[in-house]
Amino acid sequence: MTTATVVICTYNRHDMLRRAVRTAREQVLRAGVSAEILVVDNSPDANARSAVAEMAAGAGLALRYASSPRPNVSAARNMGVAQSQGDY
């Protein structure tokens, strides 16, 4: 089985985050492929945590949350790579 992690980095953009997660979770994967979505919240106060928890209860690809509190897109991307569980 091939697995992939879709990393979505966010910083105070809740509406855009919801739209990105919704469309990613609607993907239909071919047989033998699975995926998860990892949201990396780059805000110091972890303000996307509750939105991700709310969305995680819905249907679709698995959804996880990670906090990277030091605002810096490179740090958020690196955390996404470090926290990924997929092959890709």
PDB file of N, CA and C in Angstrom:
ATOM      1  N   MET A   1       0.849  -1.177   0.000  1.00  0.00           N
ATOM      2  CA  MET A   1       0.000   0.000   0.000  1.00  0.00           C
ATOM      3  C   MET A   1       0.896   1.241   0.000  1.00  0.00           C
ATOM      4  N   THR A   2       0.614   2.155  -0.890  1.00  0.00           N
ATOM      5  CA  THR A   2       1.306   3.430  -0.969  1.00  0.00           C
ATOM      6  C   THR A   2       0.549   4.441  -0.120  1.00  0.00           C
ATOM      7  N   THR A   3       1.273   5.191   0.696  1.00  0.00           N
ATOM      8  CA  THR A   3       0.643   6.205   1.539  1.00  0.00           C
ATOM      9  C   THR A   3       1.248   7.575   1.250  1.00  0.00           C
ATOM     10  N   ALA A   4       0.424   8.592   1.392  1.00  0.00           N
ATOM     11  CA  ALA A   4       0.877   9.963   1.162  1.00  0.00           C
ATOM     12  C   ALA A   4       0.362  10.854   2.289  1.00  0.00           C
ATOM     13  N   THR A   5       1.122  11.874   2.596  1.00  0.00           N
ATOM     14  CA  THR A   5       0.695  12.885   3.553  1.00  0.00           C
ATOM     15  C   THR A   5       0.587  14.205   2.812  1.00  0.00           C
ATOM     16  N   VAL A   6      -0.577  14.824   2.921  1.00  0.00           N
ATOM     17  CA  VAL A   6      -0.802  16.147   2.364  1.00  0.00           C
ATOM     18  C   VAL A   6      -0.598  17.128   3.514  1.00  0.00           C
ATOM     19  N   VAL A   7       0.425  17.963   3.405  1.00  0.00           N
ATOM     20  CA  VAL A   7       0.729  18.927   4.459  1.00  0.00           C
ATOM     21  C   VAL A   7       0.149  20.282   4.067  1.00  0.00           C
ATOM     22  N   ILE A   8      -0.677  20.835   4.956  1.00  0.00           N
ATOM     23  CA  ILE A   8      -1.256  22.155   4.754  1.00  0.00           C
ATOM     24  C   ILE A   8      -0.759  23.049   5.880  1.00  0.00           C
ATOM     25  N   CYS A   9       0.067  24.021   5.533  1.00  0.00           N
ATOM     26  CA  CYS A   9       0.555  24.984   6.525  1.00  0.00           C
ATOM     27  C   CYS A   9      -0.411  26.160   6.555  1.00  0.00           C
ATOM     28  N   THR A  10      -0.723  26.641   7.763  1.00  0.00           N
ATOM     29  CA  THR A  10      -1.669  27.742   7.884  1.00  0.00           C
ATOM     30  C   THR A  10      -1.214  28.742   8.942  1.00  0.00           C
ATOM     31  N   TYR A  11      -1.613  29.983   8.721  1.00  0.00           N
ATOM     32  CA  TYR A  11      -1.327  31.061   9.671  1.00  0.00           C
ATOM     33  C   TYR A  11      -2.494  32.045   9.622  1.00  0.00           C
ATOM     34  N   ASN A  12      -3.414  31.911  10.565  1.00  0.00           N
ATOM     35  CA  ASN A  12      -4.543  32.834  10.711  1.00  0.00           C
ATOM     36  C   ASN A  12      -5.406  32.958   9.458  1.00  0.00           C
ATOM     37  N   ARG A  13      -5.654  31.862   8.782  1.00  0.00           N
ATOM     38  CA  ARG A  13      -6.510  31.877   7.584  1.00  0.00           C
ATOM     39  C   ARG A  13      -7.546  30.759   7.687  1.00  0.00           C
ATOM     40  N   HIS A  14      -8.450  30.890   8.620  1.00  0.00           N
ATOM     41  CA  HIS A  14      -9.385  29.802   8.928  1.00  0.00           C
ATOM     42  C   HIS A  14     -10.325  29.451   7.780  1.00  0.00           C
ATOM     43  N   ASP A  15     -10.852  30.434   7.079  1.00  0.00           N
ATOM     44  CA  ASP A  15     -11.755  30.132   5.964  1.00  0.00           C
ATOM     45  C   ASP A  15     -11.012  29.408   4.844  1.00  0.00           C
ATOM     46  N   MET A  16      -9.822  29.878   4.514  1.00  0.00           N
ATOM     47  CA  MET A  16      -9.027  29.220   3.478  1.00  0.00           C
ATOM     48  C   MET A  16      -8.621  27.818   3.921  1.00  0.00           C
ATOM     49  N   LEU A  17      -8.309  27.656   5.208  1.00  0.00           N
ATOM     50  CA  LEU A  17      -7.940  26.342   5.738  1.00  0.00           C
ATOM     51  C   LEU A  17      -9.108  25.375   5.596  1.00  0.00           C
ATOM     52  N   ARG A  18     -10.287  25.804   5.991  1.00  0.00           N
ATOM     53  CA  ARG A  18     -11.459  24.932   5.883  1.00  0.00           C
ATOM     54  C   ARG A  18     -11.690  24.496   4.430  1.00  0.00           C
ATOM     55  N   ARG A  19     -11.550  25.426   3.503  1.00  0.00           N
ATOM     56  CA  ARG A  19     -11.753  25.104   2.084  1.00  0.00           C
ATOM     57  C   ARG A  19     -10.678  24.123   1.597  1.00  0.00           C
ATOM     58  N   ALA A  20      -9.430  24.352   1.980  1.00  0.00           N
ATOM     59  CA  ALA A  20      -8.337  23.467   1.553  1.00  0.00           C
ATOM     60  C   ALA A  20      -8.518  22.061   2.120  1.00  0.00           C
ATOM     61  N   VAL A  21      -8.865  21.972   3.386  1.00  0.00           N
ATOM     62  CA  VAL A  21      -9.067  20.657   4.005  1.00  0.00           C
ATOM     63  C   VAL A  21     -10.259  19.959   3.373  1.00  0.00           C
ATOM     64  N   ARG A  22     -11.348  20.685   3.179  1.00  0.00           N
ATOM     65  CA  ARG A  22     -12.551  20.086   2.596  1.00  0.00           C
ATOM     66  C   ARG A  22     -12.247  19.494   1.220  1.00  0.00           C
ATOM     67  N   THR A  23     -11.583  20.248   0.368  1.00  0.00           N
ATOM     68  CA  THR A  23     -11.314  19.746  -0.979  1.00  0.00           C
ATOM     69  C   THR A  23     -10.307  18.596  -0.960  1.00  0.00           C
ATOM     70  N   ALA A  24      -9.332  18.648  -0.074  1.00  0.00           N
ATOM     71  CA  ALA A  24      -8.371  17.539   0.027  1.00  0.00           C
ATOM     72  C   ALA A  24      -9.054  16.271   0.529  1.00  0.00           C
ATOM     73  N   ARG A  25      -9.979  16.417   1.478  1.00  0.00           N
ATOM     74  CA  ARG A  25     -10.667  15.247   2.038  1.00  0.00           C
ATOM     75  C   ARG A  25     -11.644  14.625   1.052  1.00  0.00           C
ATOM     76  N   GLU A  26     -12.058  15.351   0.049  1.00  0.00           N
ATOM     77  CA  GLU A  26     -12.999  14.835  -0.947  1.00  0.00           C
ATOM     78  C   GLU A  26     -12.318  14.004  -2.028  1.00  0.00           C
ATOM     79  N   GLN A  27     -11.008  13.939  -2.015  1.00  0.00           N
ATOM     80  CA  GLN A  27     -10.295  13.194  -3.053  1.00  0.00           C
ATOM     81  C   GLN A  27     -10.645  11.713  -2.994  1.00  0.00           C
ATOM     82  N   VAL A  28     -10.797  11.127  -4.155  1.00  0.00           N
ATOM     83  CA  VAL A  28     -11.037   9.692  -4.275  1.00  0.00           C
ATOM     84  C   VAL A  28      -9.729   9.068  -4.739  1.00  0.00           C
ATOM     85  N   LEU A  29      -9.216   8.173  -3.943  1.00  0.00           N
ATOM     86  CA  LEU A  29      -7.919   7.553  -4.239  1.00  0.00           C
ATOM     87  C   LEU A  29      -8.117   6.199  -4.898  1.00  0.00           C
ATOM     88  N   ARG A  30      -7.198   5.849  -5.757  1.00  0.00           N
ATOM     89  CA  ARG A  30      -7.288   4.549  -6.422  1.00  0.00           C
ATOM     90  C   ARG A  30      -6.935   3.442  -5.432  1.00  0.00           C
ATOM     91  N   ALA A  31      -7.268   2.229  -5.789  1.00  0.00           N
ATOM     92  CA  ALA A  31      -6.987   1.065  -4.947  1.00  0.00           C
ATOM     93  C   ALA A  31      -5.492   0.981  -4.654  1.00  0.00           C
ATOM     94  N   GLY A  32      -5.147   0.672  -3.437  1.00  0.00           N
ATOM     95  CA  GLY A  32      -3.749   0.525  -3.052  1.00  0.00           C
ATOM     96  C   GLY A  32      -3.080   1.820  -2.633  1.00  0.00           C
ATOM     97  N   VAL A  33      -3.837   2.907  -2.565  1.00  0.00           N
ATOM     98  CA  VAL A  33      -3.291   4.201  -2.166  1.00  0.00           C
ATOM     99  C   VAL A  33      -4.110   4.733  -1.000  1.00  0.00           C
ATOM    100  N   SER A  34      -3.434   5.200   0.031  1.00  0.00           N
ATOM    101  CA  SER A  34      -4.115   5.857   1.145  1.00  0.00           C
ATOM    102  C   SER A  34      -3.404   7.179   1.422  1.00  0.00           C
ATOM    103  N   ALA A  35      -4.099   8.061   2.092  1.00  0.00           N
ATOM    104  CA  ALA A  35      -3.518   9.374   2.375  1.00  0.00           C
ATOM    105  C   ALA A  35      -4.062   9.922   3.681  1.00  0.00           C
ATOM    106  N   GLU A  36      -3.336  10.851   4.220  1.00  0.00           N
ATOM    107  CA  GLU A  36      -3.748  11.598   5.401  1.00  0.00           C
ATOM    108  C   GLU A  36      -3.479  13.072   5.127  1.00  0.00           C
ATOM    109  N   ILE A  37      -4.117  13.924   5.897  1.00  0.00           N
ATOM    110  CA  ILE A  37      -3.878  15.364   5.812  1.00  0.00           C
ATOM    111  C   ILE A  37      -3.309  15.808   7.151  1.00  0.00           C
ATOM    112  N   LEU A  38      -2.226  16.550   7.099  1.00  0.00           N
ATOM    113  CA  LEU A  38      -1.607  17.107   8.295  1.00  0.00           C
ATOM    114  C   LEU A  38      -1.657  18.622   8.189  1.00  0.00           C
ATOM    115  N   VAL A  39      -2.357  19.258   9.125  1.00  0.00           N
ATOM    116  CA  VAL A  39      -2.407  20.711   9.174  1.00  0.00           C
ATOM    117  C   VAL A  39      -1.354  21.174  10.158  1.00  0.00           C
ATOM    118  N   VAL A  40      -0.451  22.024   9.684  1.00  0.00           N
ATOM    119  CA  VAL A  40       0.577  22.611  10.546  1.00  0.00           C
ATOM    120  C   VAL A  40       0.185  24.061  10.796  1.00  0.00           C
ATOM    121  N   ASP A  41      -0.170  24.342  12.038  1.00  0.00           N
ATOM    122  CA  ASP A  41      -0.618  25.668  12.461  1.00  0.00           C
ATOM    123  C   ASP A  41       0.604  26.482  12.860  1.00  0.00           C
ATOM    124  N   ASN A  42       0.864  27.553  12.131  1.00  0.00           N
ATOM    125  CA  ASN A  42       2.067  28.355  12.346  1.00  0.00           C
ATOM    126  C   ASN A  42       1.811  29.602  13.191  1.00  0.00           C
ATOM    127  N   SER A  43       0.662  29.655  13.873  1.00  0.00           N
ATOM    128  CA  SER A  43       0.357  30.808  14.722  1.00  0.00           C
ATOM    129  C   SER A  43       0.849  30.553  16.150  1.00  0.00           C
ATOM    130  N   PRO A  44       1.346  31.575  16.823  1.00  0.00           N
ATOM    131  CA  PRO A  44       1.865  31.408  18.178  1.00  0.00           C
ATOM    132  C   PRO A  44       0.816  30.915  19.177  1.00  0.00           C
ATOM    133  N   ASP A  45      -0.451  31.246  18.947  1.00  0.00           N
ATOM    134  CA  ASP A  45      -1.493  30.856  19.898  1.00  0.00           C
ATOM    135  C   ASP A  45      -2.263  29.604  19.467  1.00  0.00           C
ATOM    136  N   ALA A  46      -1.784  28.907  18.461  1.00  0.00           N
ATOM    137  CA  ALA A  46      -2.394  27.655  17.993  1.00  0.00           C
ATOM    138  C   ALA A  46      -3.876  27.831  17.705  1.00  0.00           C
ATOM    139  N   ASN A  47      -4.234  28.924  17.033  1.00  0.00           N
ATOM    140  CA  ASN A  47      -5.643  29.258  16.876  1.00  0.00           C
ATOM    141  C   ASN A  47      -6.399  28.407  15.855  1.00  0.00           C
ATOM    142  N   ALA A  48      -5.730  27.536  15.130  1.00  0.00           N
ATOM    143  CA  ALA A  48      -6.431  26.653  14.185  1.00  0.00           C
ATOM    144  C   ALA A  48      -6.769  25.298  14.805  1.00  0.00           C
ATOM    145  N   ARG A  49      -6.304  25.060  16.014  1.00  0.00           N
ATOM    146  CA  ARG A  49      -6.498  23.748  16.656  1.00  0.00           C
ATOM    147  C   ARG A  49      -7.979  23.356  16.719  1.00  0.00           C
ATOM    148  N   SER A  50      -8.824  24.253  17.171  1.00  0.00           N
ATOM    149  CA  SER A  50     -10.241  23.908  17.327  1.00  0.00           C
ATOM    150  C   SER A  50     -10.906  23.676  15.966  1.00  0.00           C
ATOM    151  N   ALA A  51     -10.541  24.447  14.963  1.00  0.00           N
ATOM    152  CA  ALA A  51     -11.116  24.259  13.625  1.00  0.00           C
ATOM    153  C   ALA A  51     -10.733  22.894  13.069  1.00  0.00           C
ATOM    154  N   VAL A  52      -9.487  22.490  13.271  1.00  0.00           N
ATOM    155  CA  VAL A  52      -9.039  21.183  12.778  1.00  0.00           C
ATOM    156  C   VAL A  52      -9.745  20.070  13.545  1.00  0.00           C
ATOM    157  N   ALA A  53      -9.889  20.222  14.850  1.00  0.00           N
ATOM    158  CA  ALA A  53     -10.595  19.205  15.638  1.00  0.00           C
ATOM    159  C   ALA A  53     -12.035  19.061  15.164  1.00  0.00           C
ATOM    160  N   GLU A  54     -12.663  20.164  14.855  1.00  0.00           N
ATOM    161  CA  GLU A  54     -14.041  20.147  14.355  1.00  0.00           C
ATOM    162  C   GLU A  54     -14.112  19.438  13.008  1.00  0.00           C
ATOM    163  N   MET A  55     -13.186  19.757  12.110  1.00  0.00           N
ATOM    164  CA  MET A  55     -13.191  19.140  10.786  1.00  0.00           C
ATOM    165  C   MET A  55     -12.826  17.657  10.841  1.00  0.00           C
ATOM    166  N   ALA A  56     -11.992  17.264  11.794  1.00  0.00           N
ATOM    167  CA  ALA A  56     -11.537  15.877  11.890  1.00  0.00           C
ATOM    168  C   ALA A  56     -12.695  14.923  12.150  1.00  0.00           C
ATOM    169  N   ALA A  57     -13.774  15.428  12.722  1.00  0.00           N
ATOM    170  CA  ALA A  57     -14.926  14.579  13.010  1.00  0.00           C
ATOM    171  C   ALA A  57     -15.700  14.227  11.742  1.00  0.00           C
ATOM    172  N   GLY A  58     -15.468  14.930  10.656  1.00  0.00           N
ATOM    173  CA  GLY A  58     -16.193  14.692   9.406  1.00  0.00           C
ATOM    174  C   GLY A  58     -15.630  13.521   8.614  1.00  0.00           C
ATOM    175  N   ALA A  59     -16.285  13.256   7.510  1.00  0.00           N
ATOM    176  CA  ALA A  59     -15.880  12.148   6.646  1.00  0.00           C
ATOM    177  C   ALA A  59     -14.724  12.557   5.742  1.00  0.00           C
ATOM    178  N   GLY A  60     -13.996  11.570   5.260  1.00  0.00           N
ATOM    179  CA  GLY A  60     -12.916  11.818   4.311  1.00  0.00           C
ATOM    180  C   GLY A  60     -11.581  11.316   4.826  1.00  0.00           C
ATOM    181  N   LEU A  61     -10.537  11.767   4.188  1.00  0.00           N
ATOM    182  CA  LEU A  61      -9.190  11.357   4.575  1.00  0.00           C
ATOM    183  C   LEU A  61      -8.914  11.696   6.034  1.00  0.00           C
ATOM    184  N   ALA A  62      -8.061  10.906   6.666  1.00  0.00           N
ATOM    185  CA  ALA A  62      -7.665  11.166   8.054  1.00  0.00           C
ATOM    186  C   ALA A  62      -7.057  12.559   8.156  1.00  0.00           C
ATOM    187  N   LEU A  63      -7.322  13.227   9.266  1.00  0.00           N
ATOM    188  CA  LEU A  63      -6.866  14.602   9.465  1.00  0.00           C
ATOM    189  C   LEU A  63      -6.166  14.708  10.804  1.00  0.00           C
ATOM    190  N   ARG A  64      -4.939  15.241  10.784  1.00  0.00           N
ATOM    191  CA  ARG A  64      -4.164  15.447  12.017  1.00  0.00           C
ATOM    192  C   ARG A  64      -3.744  16.898  12.124  1.00  0.00           C
ATOM    193  N   TYR A  65      -3.344  17.288  13.331  1.00  0.00           N
ATOM    194  CA  TYR A  65      -2.951  18.666  13.645  1.00  0.00           C
ATOM    195  C   TYR A  65      -1.562  18.676  14.271  1.00  0.00           C
ATOM    196  N   ALA A  66      -0.768  19.672  13.905  1.00  0.00           N
ATOM    197  CA  ALA A  66       0.530  19.904  14.552  1.00  0.00           C
ATOM    198  C   ALA A  66       0.686  21.412  14.719  1.00  0.00           C
ATOM    199  N   SER A  67       1.315  21.809  15.802  1.00  0.00           N
ATOM    200  CA  SER A  67       1.544  23.226  16.067  1.00  0.00           C
ATOM    201  C   SER A  67       3.022  23.549  15.890  1.00  0.00           C
ATOM    202  N   SER A  68       3.285  24.585  15.104  1.00  0.00           N
ATOM    203  CA  SER A  68       4.632  25.114  14.919  1.00  0.00           C
ATOM    204  C   SER A  68       4.551  26.591  15.290  1.00  0.00           C
ATOM    205  N   PRO A  69       4.669  26.915  16.583  1.00  0.00           N
ATOM    206  CA  PRO A  69       4.300  28.244  17.085  1.00  0.00           C
ATOM    207  C   PRO A  69       5.211  29.405  16.690  1.00  0.00           C
ATOM    208  N   ARG A  70       6.369  29.131  16.128  1.00  0.00           N
ATOM    209  CA  ARG A  70       7.255  30.225  15.717  1.00  0.00           C
ATOM    210  C   ARG A  70       6.916  30.593  14.278  1.00  0.00           C
ATOM    211  N   PRO A  71       6.255  31.756  14.061  1.00  0.00           N
ATOM    212  CA  PRO A  71       5.843  32.124  12.696  1.00  0.00           C
ATOM    213  C   PRO A  71       7.028  32.177  11.727  1.00  0.00           C
ATOM    214  N   ASN A  72       7.055  31.202  10.852  1.00  0.00           N
ATOM    215  CA  ASN A  72       8.109  31.074   9.850  1.00  0.00           C
ATOM    216  C   ASN A  72       7.700  29.917   8.949  1.00  0.00           C
ATOM    217  N   VAL A  73       7.387  30.200   7.716  1.00  0.00           N
ATOM    218  CA  VAL A  73       6.868  29.159   6.831  1.00  0.00           C
ATOM    219  C   VAL A  73       7.862  28.007   6.660  1.00  0.00           C
ATOM    220  N   SER A  74       9.136  28.282   6.701  1.00  0.00           N
ATOM    221  CA  SER A  74      10.127  27.198   6.587  1.00  0.00           C
ATOM    222  C   SER A  74      10.042  26.261   7.780  1.00  0.00           C
ATOM    223  N   ALA A  75       9.877  26.815   8.970  1.00  0.00           N
ATOM    224  CA  ALA A  75       9.733  25.987  10.175  1.00  0.00           C
ATOM    225  C   ALA A  75       8.463  25.144  10.089  1.00  0.00           C
ATOM    226  N   ALA A  76       7.377  25.738   9.593  1.00  0.00           N
ATOM    227  CA  ALA A  76       6.119  24.995   9.458  1.00  0.00           C
ATOM    228  C   ALA A  76       6.272  23.860   8.444  1.00  0.00           C
ATOM    229  N   ARG A  77       6.899  24.127   7.329  1.00  0.00           N
ATOM    230  CA  ARG A  77       7.110  23.074   6.317  1.00  0.00           C
ATOM    231  C   ARG A  77       7.988  21.957   6.872  1.00  0.00           C
ATOM    232  N   ASN A  78       9.044  22.327   7.562  1.00  0.00           N
ATOM    233  CA  ASN A  78       9.931  21.316   8.146  1.00  0.00           C
ATOM    234  C   ASN A  78       9.192  20.458   9.157  1.00  0.00           C
ATOM    235  N   MET A  79       8.321  21.074   9.969  1.00  0.00           N
ATOM    236  CA  MET A  79       7.540  20.290  10.915  1.00  0.00           C
ATOM    237  C   MET A  79       6.607  19.345  10.165  1.00  0.00           C
ATOM    238  N   GLY A  80       6.017  19.833   9.075  1.00  0.00           N
ATOM    239  CA  GLY A  80       5.152  18.974   8.279  1.00  0.00           C
ATOM    240  C   GLY A  80       5.879  17.752   7.765  1.00  0.00           C
ATOM    241  N   VAL A  81       7.083  17.933   7.282  1.00  0.00           N
ATOM    242  CA  VAL A  81       7.883  16.793   6.811  1.00  0.00           C
ATOM    243  C   VAL A  81       8.206  15.859   7.982  1.00  0.00           C
ATOM    244  N   ALA A  82       8.594  16.431   9.103  1.00  0.00           N
ATOM    245  CA  ALA A  82       8.968  15.615  10.267  1.00  0.00           C
ATOM    246  C   ALA A  82       7.778  14.821  10.819  1.00  0.00           C
ATOM    247  N   GLN A  83       6.583  15.389  10.760  1.00  0.00           N
ATOM    248  CA  GLN A  83       5.399  14.747  11.319  1.00  0.00           C
ATOM    249  C   GLN A  83       4.662  13.844  10.321  1.00  0.00           C
ATOM    250  N   SER A  84       5.075  13.874   9.064  1.00  0.00           N
ATOM    251  CA  SER A  84       4.403  13.061   8.044  1.00  0.00           C
ATOM    252  C   SER A  84       4.566  11.579   8.338  1.00  0.00           C
ATOM    253  N   GLN A  85       3.509  10.845   8.075  1.00  0.00           N
ATOM    254  CA  GLN A  85       3.550   9.392   8.277  1.00  0.00           C
ATOM    255  C   GLN A  85       3.479   8.629   6.954  1.00  0.00           C
ATOM    256  N   GLY A  86       3.309   9.352   5.859  1.00  0.00           N
ATOM    257  CA  GLY A  86       3.184   8.701   4.552  1.00  0.00           C
ATOM    258  C   GLY A  86       4.528   8.436   3.897  1.00  0.00           C
ATOM    259  N   ASP A  87       4.488   7.633   2.854  1.00  0.00           N
ATOM    260  CA  ASP A  87       5.689   7.370   2.063  1.00  0.00           C
ATOM    261  C   ASP A  87       6.080   8.598   1.253  1.00  0.00           C
ATOM    262  N   TYR A  88       5.091   9.405   0.899  1.00  0.00           N
ATOM    263  CA  TYR A  88       5.300  10.607   0.089  1.00  0.00           C
ATOM    264  C   TYR A  88       4.670  11.780   0.761  1.00  0.00           C
TER     265      TYR A  88
END
